Amino acid sequence: MEYIRVNKDNLEKEHICCAISNNSDIQVSSKKAWLKERFNEGLVFLKSIERGKCFIEYIPAENAWNPIEAPGYMYIDCLWVSGSFKGHGYSSDLLNACIEDSRMKGKKGLCILSSEKKRPFLADPKYLKHKGFDVCDESDNGIQLWYLPFEEQADKPHFRECARHPHIDEKGYVLFYTSQCPFNAKYVPVLEKTASEHGIPFKAVYLESLNDARNAPTPVTTYALFRNGKYVTNEQMNEARFLKLVTKQEE
């Protein structure tokens, strides 16, 4: 497989694997705008030259849009290989490239979000364990921080206190999200419209800066839904899924 590194110079002409569409699509334009601002902060987006979901996105942990403390580490935003690309070792190619690049940059190791059991839009814990990662911290909502240290004596990354016990004081449904995930540009307005039409108390909170994300009340900042103060899910939803979740929550 041949890979290409997306940067400021080729961003507009390259497809982004998590949202394969043209640049006029709101999902693509919002994600590319977010990426464009992150390249100067050390973000790397390495993807298959073929069109499809086969890429890795990582950034120095100090600039990660998550409430973590991991000085000297590289944080993996996303490692996604799916569809016909699965089963060919491409995820190992991408992870190995990240490891090599991080070592060359003098990093202490890698860290990434996961959980005890596989959850949507989070790394597969079985895969991480197979690759030598270990759990270094866990929040009350079951989101775990995994790490792969390059040196035995490296300090362990950990969650910031604001994310260790996910909770907010507001009633109703409150969604925290960023432009890091392209799907939010489409699905957040869907939830706002659906909630309004069905009289469901709902508020969307856009995390628009690194500081906002680092002080979020949950480890997952791309998409985190709360109900009456309690964390519910990090899975993006369309109208039908949202209404099904609301019905279940109200039972």
Protein backbone atom coordinates (compact mmCIF):
# COMPACT_ATOMS: atom_id res chain seq x y z
CA MET A 1 0.00 0.00 0.00
CA GLU A 2 1.20 3.50 -0.81
CA TYR A 3 0.52 6.27 1.71
CA ILE A 4 0.43 10.04 1.49
CA ARG A 5 0.83 12.69 4.16
CA VAL A 6 -1.80 15.40 4.03
CA ASN A 7 -0.52 18.90 4.81
CA LYS A 8 -1.39 22.55 4.20
CA ASP A 9 -0.08 22.37 0.65
CA ASN A 10 -2.18 19.43 -0.55
CA LEU A 11 -5.13 19.59 1.86
CA GLU A 12 -7.59 21.06 -0.63
CA LYS A 13 -6.96 18.48 -3.35
CA GLU A 14 -6.75 15.39 -1.14
CA HIS A 15 -9.77 13.51 0.19
CA ILE A 16 -10.01 12.96 3.94
CA CYS A 17 -10.73 9.33 4.61
CA CYS A 18 -13.29 9.77 7.39
CA ALA A 19 -15.63 11.72 5.10
CA ILE A 20 -15.23 10.82 1.46
CA SER A 21 -16.96 13.56 -0.49
CA ASN A 22 -16.19 16.76 -2.36
CA ASN A 23 -14.90 19.91 -0.69
CA SER A 24 -18.27 21.65 -0.92
CA ASP A 25 -19.80 19.13 1.50
CA ILE A 26 -20.16 20.74 4.94
CA GLN A 27 -18.65 17.69 6.63
CA VAL A 28 -15.51 17.91 4.50
CA SER A 29 -15.12 21.68 4.67
CA SER A 30 -15.50 21.80 8.47
CA LYS A 31 -12.98 19.00 9.03
CA LYS A 32 -10.46 20.48 6.60
CA ALA A 33 -10.77 23.88 8.24
CA TRP A 34 -10.01 22.25 11.60
CA LEU A 35 -7.06 20.32 10.17
CA LYS A 36 -5.60 23.41 8.52
CA GLU A 37 -5.27 25.10 11.90
CA ARG A 38 -3.70 22.02 13.51
CA PHE A 39 -0.81 21.40 11.09
CA ASN A 40 1.20 24.23 12.67
CA GLU A 41 0.70 22.49 16.03
CA GLY A 42 2.35 19.30 14.82
CA LEU A 43 -0.65 17.31 13.61
CA VAL A 44 0.08 14.49 11.15
CA PHE A 45 -2.55 13.01 8.85
CA LEU A 46 -1.24 9.94 7.02
CA LYS A 47 -3.60 8.09 4.71
CA SER A 48 -3.87 5.51 1.99
CA ILE A 49 -3.44 6.90 -1.50
CA GLU A 50 -6.59 4.93 -2.36
CA ARG A 51 -10.02 6.38 -1.53
CA GLY A 52 -11.38 4.78 1.60
CA LYS A 53 -11.16 4.73 5.38
CA CYS A 54 -7.49 3.92 5.92
CA PHE A 55 -5.61 6.58 7.88
CA ILE A 56 -3.99 7.69 11.11
CA GLU A 57 -4.20 11.16 12.65
CA TYR A 58 -1.92 12.13 15.53
CA ILE A 59 -0.59 15.22 17.31
CA PRO A 60 1.76 16.13 20.18
CA ALA A 61 -0.25 15.41 23.34
CA GLU A 62 0.22 18.98 24.59
CA ASN A 63 -1.90 20.08 21.61
CA ALA A 64 -4.45 17.26 21.75
CA TRP A 65 -8.06 18.40 21.97
CA ASN A 66 -8.72 16.20 25.00
CA PRO A 67 -8.45 16.78 28.77
CA ILE A 68 -5.28 14.78 29.26
CA GLU A 69 -1.86 15.39 30.76
CA ALA A 70 0.77 13.60 28.69
CA PRO A 71 3.81 15.86 28.28
CA GLY A 72 6.30 14.50 25.78
CA TYR A 73 3.87 11.96 24.32
CA MET A 74 2.21 11.76 20.91
CA TYR A 75 -1.57 11.47 21.03
CA ILE A 76 -3.41 9.46 18.36
CA ASP A 77 -6.67 11.19 17.45
CA CYS A 78 -7.79 8.35 15.24
CA LEU A 79 -6.51 5.15 13.62
CA TRP A 80 -9.20 3.91 11.26
CA VAL A 81 -8.97 1.06 8.78
CA SER A 82 -12.26 -0.40 7.56
CA GLY A 83 -14.08 -2.02 4.67
CA SER A 84 -11.95 -3.70 2.02
CA PHE A 85 -8.79 -2.32 3.66
CA LYS A 86 -9.14 -4.52 6.74
CA GLY A 87 -7.08 -7.67 7.10
CA HIS A 88 -4.08 -6.57 5.03
CA GLY A 89 -1.82 -5.18 7.76
CA TYR A 90 -2.46 -1.55 6.85
CA SER A 91 -3.28 -0.57 10.44
CA SER A 92 0.13 -1.92 11.45
CA ASP A 93 1.75 0.07 8.64
CA LEU A 94 0.13 3.26 9.88
CA LEU A 95 0.84 2.63 13.55
CA ASN A 96 4.46 1.73 12.81
CA ALA A 97 4.85 4.94 10.81
CA CYS A 98 3.50 6.89 13.77
CA ILE A 99 5.88 5.12 16.16
CA GLU A 100 8.89 5.78 13.92
CA ASP A 101 7.97 9.43 13.44
CA SER A 102 7.34 9.91 17.17
CA ARG A 103 10.66 8.32 18.09
CA MET A 104 12.48 10.57 15.62
CA LYS A 105 10.79 13.58 17.25
CA GLY A 106 12.03 12.47 20.67
CA LYS A 107 8.65 11.55 22.11
CA LYS A 108 8.27 9.41 25.23
CA GLY A 109 5.58 7.23 23.64
CA LEU A 110 2.03 7.19 22.31
CA CYS A 111 -1.36 7.51 23.97
CA ILE A 112 -4.92 7.02 22.73
CA LEU A 113 -8.49 6.73 24.04
CA SER A 114 -10.25 3.39 24.30
CA SER A 115 -12.38 1.43 26.77
CA GLU A 116 -12.60 -1.99 28.38
CA LYS A 117 -14.91 -3.18 25.59
CA LYS A 118 -15.02 -1.81 22.04
CA ARG A 119 -17.10 1.35 21.70
CA PRO A 120 -18.01 3.29 18.55
CA PHE A 121 -15.39 5.80 17.40
CA LEU A 122 -12.82 4.60 19.95
CA ALA A 123 -9.80 2.38 19.39
CA ASP A 124 -10.31 -1.37 19.77
CA PRO A 125 -8.82 -2.41 23.14
CA LYS A 126 -7.97 -5.89 21.83
CA TYR A 127 -5.92 -4.36 19.03
CA LEU A 128 -4.16 -1.97 21.39
CA LYS A 129 -3.27 -4.77 23.80
CA HIS A 130 -1.95 -6.83 20.89
CA LYS A 131 0.29 -3.91 19.92
CA GLY A 132 1.72 -3.54 23.41
CA PHE A 133 -0.42 -0.70 24.77
CA ASP A 134 -1.52 -0.67 28.43
CA VAL A 135 -4.22 1.21 30.33
CA CYS A 136 -2.77 4.14 32.27
CA ASP A 137 -5.96 5.89 33.45
CA GLU A 138 -9.76 5.49 33.45
CA SER A 139 -12.65 7.88 33.99
CA ASP A 140 -15.90 7.08 35.80
CA ASN A 141 -17.75 6.65 32.51
CA GLY A 142 -15.47 3.81 31.41
CA ILE A 143 -13.34 5.76 28.95
CA GLN A 144 -9.74 4.65 29.28
CA LEU A 145 -6.44 6.25 28.37
CA TRP A 146 -3.98 3.71 26.92
CA TYR A 147 -0.29 4.28 26.36
CA LEU A 148 2.71 2.75 24.64
CA PRO A 149 5.89 4.06 26.33
CA PHE A 150 9.16 3.98 24.43
CA GLU A 151 11.15 3.83 27.67
CA GLU A 152 10.42 1.73 30.75
CA GLN A 153 10.75 4.68 33.13
CA ALA A 154 8.49 7.05 31.16
CA ASP A 155 5.84 8.84 33.22
CA LYS A 156 2.27 7.64 32.67
CA PRO A 157 -0.19 9.99 30.96
CA HIS A 158 -3.41 10.70 32.86
CA PHE A 159 -6.75 12.46 32.59
CA ARG A 160 -7.20 15.97 33.88
CA GLU A 161 -9.44 16.19 36.94
CA CYS A 162 -12.30 17.76 34.96
CA ALA A 163 -12.63 14.57 32.91
CA ARG A 164 -12.01 11.97 35.59
CA HIS A 165 -15.58 12.19 36.95
CA PRO A 166 -17.78 13.12 33.93
CA HIS A 167 -20.70 15.20 35.15
CA ILE A 168 -22.36 18.55 34.44
CA ASP A 169 -24.92 20.55 36.39
CA GLU A 170 -27.38 21.21 33.55
CA LYS A 171 -30.69 19.41 33.05
CA GLY A 172 -31.91 18.00 29.75
CA TYR A 173 -29.66 16.76 26.95
CA VAL A 174 -26.36 18.58 26.51
CA LEU A 175 -23.98 17.71 23.69
CA PHE A 176 -20.31 18.71 23.68
CA TYR A 177 -18.61 18.49 20.29
CA THR A 178 -15.78 19.76 18.09
CA SER A 179 -15.07 20.07 14.37
CA GLN A 180 -12.45 17.34 14.66
CA CYS A 181 -15.03 14.77 13.59
CA PRO A 182 -16.53 15.71 10.20
CA PHE A 183 -19.82 13.94 10.89
CA ASN A 184 -20.76 16.55 13.50
CA ALA A 185 -21.29 19.20 10.84
CA LYS A 186 -24.17 17.07 9.56
CA TYR A 187 -25.55 15.33 12.62
CA VAL A 188 -25.45 18.03 15.31
CA PRO A 189 -27.97 20.19 13.37
CA VAL A 190 -30.08 17.05 12.91
CA LEU A 191 -30.26 16.57 16.69
CA GLU A 192 -31.02 20.26 17.27
CA LYS A 193 -33.89 20.14 14.79
CA THR A 194 -35.23 16.82 16.08
CA ALA A 195 -35.14 17.96 19.70
CA SER A 196 -36.92 21.20 18.84
CA GLU A 197 -39.66 19.42 16.89
CA HIS A 198 -40.31 16.93 19.71
CA GLY A 199 -40.03 19.31 22.64
CA ILE A 200 -36.89 17.64 24.00
CA PRO A 201 -34.66 19.88 26.16
CA PHE A 202 -31.42 20.00 24.19
CA LYS A 203 -28.33 22.18 24.05
CA ALA A 204 -25.26 21.83 21.82
CA VAL A 205 -21.97 23.15 23.20
CA TYR A 206 -19.33 23.73 20.54
CA LEU A 207 -15.77 23.35 21.81
CA GLU A 208 -14.02 25.79 19.51
CA SER A 209 -10.58 26.04 21.06
CA LEU A 210 -7.83 23.87 22.52
CA ASN A 211 -8.50 25.38 25.94
CA ASP A 212 -12.21 24.51 25.70
CA ALA A 213 -11.38 20.91 24.80
CA ARG A 214 -8.73 20.52 27.50
CA ASN A 215 -11.27 21.58 30.11
CA ALA A 216 -14.17 19.47 28.85
CA PRO A 217 -16.12 17.39 31.42
CA THR A 218 -15.36 14.09 29.70
CA PRO A 219 -12.34 12.48 27.98
CA VAL A 220 -14.09 12.25 24.59
CA THR A 221 -14.49 15.74 23.15
CA THR A 222 -15.39 14.99 19.53
CA TYR A 223 -18.93 14.08 20.59
CA ALA A 224 -20.16 13.61 24.17
CA LEU A 225 -23.85 13.55 25.09
CA PHE A 226 -25.10 14.11 28.64
CA ARG A 227 -28.60 13.76 30.09
CA ASN A 228 -29.52 15.51 33.33
CA GLY A 229 -25.87 15.85 34.17
CA LYS A 230 -24.86 12.25 33.48
CA TYR A 231 -22.76 11.08 30.54
CA VAL A 232 -24.69 8.96 28.01
CA THR A 233 -22.69 8.25 24.85
CA ASN A 234 -20.02 9.35 22.37
CA GLU A 235 -21.79 7.83 19.35
CA GLN A 236 -23.07 10.21 16.67
CA MET A 237 -26.79 9.77 16.02
CA ASN A 238 -29.32 10.48 13.32
CA GLU A 239 -32.94 11.40 14.10
CA ALA A 240 -34.15 7.81 14.57
CA ARG A 241 -31.29 6.81 16.88
CA PHE A 242 -31.67 9.94 18.97
CA LEU A 243 -35.40 9.45 19.47
CA LYS A 244 -34.83 5.79 20.33
CA LEU A 245 -32.21 6.79 22.90
CA VAL A 246 -34.53 9.44 24.40
CA THR A 247 -37.36 6.90 24.70
CA LYS A 248 -35.06 4.43 26.42
CA GLN A 249 -33.66 7.07 28.77
CA GLU A 250 -37.13 8.22 29.79
CA GLU A 251 -38.39 4.71 30.62
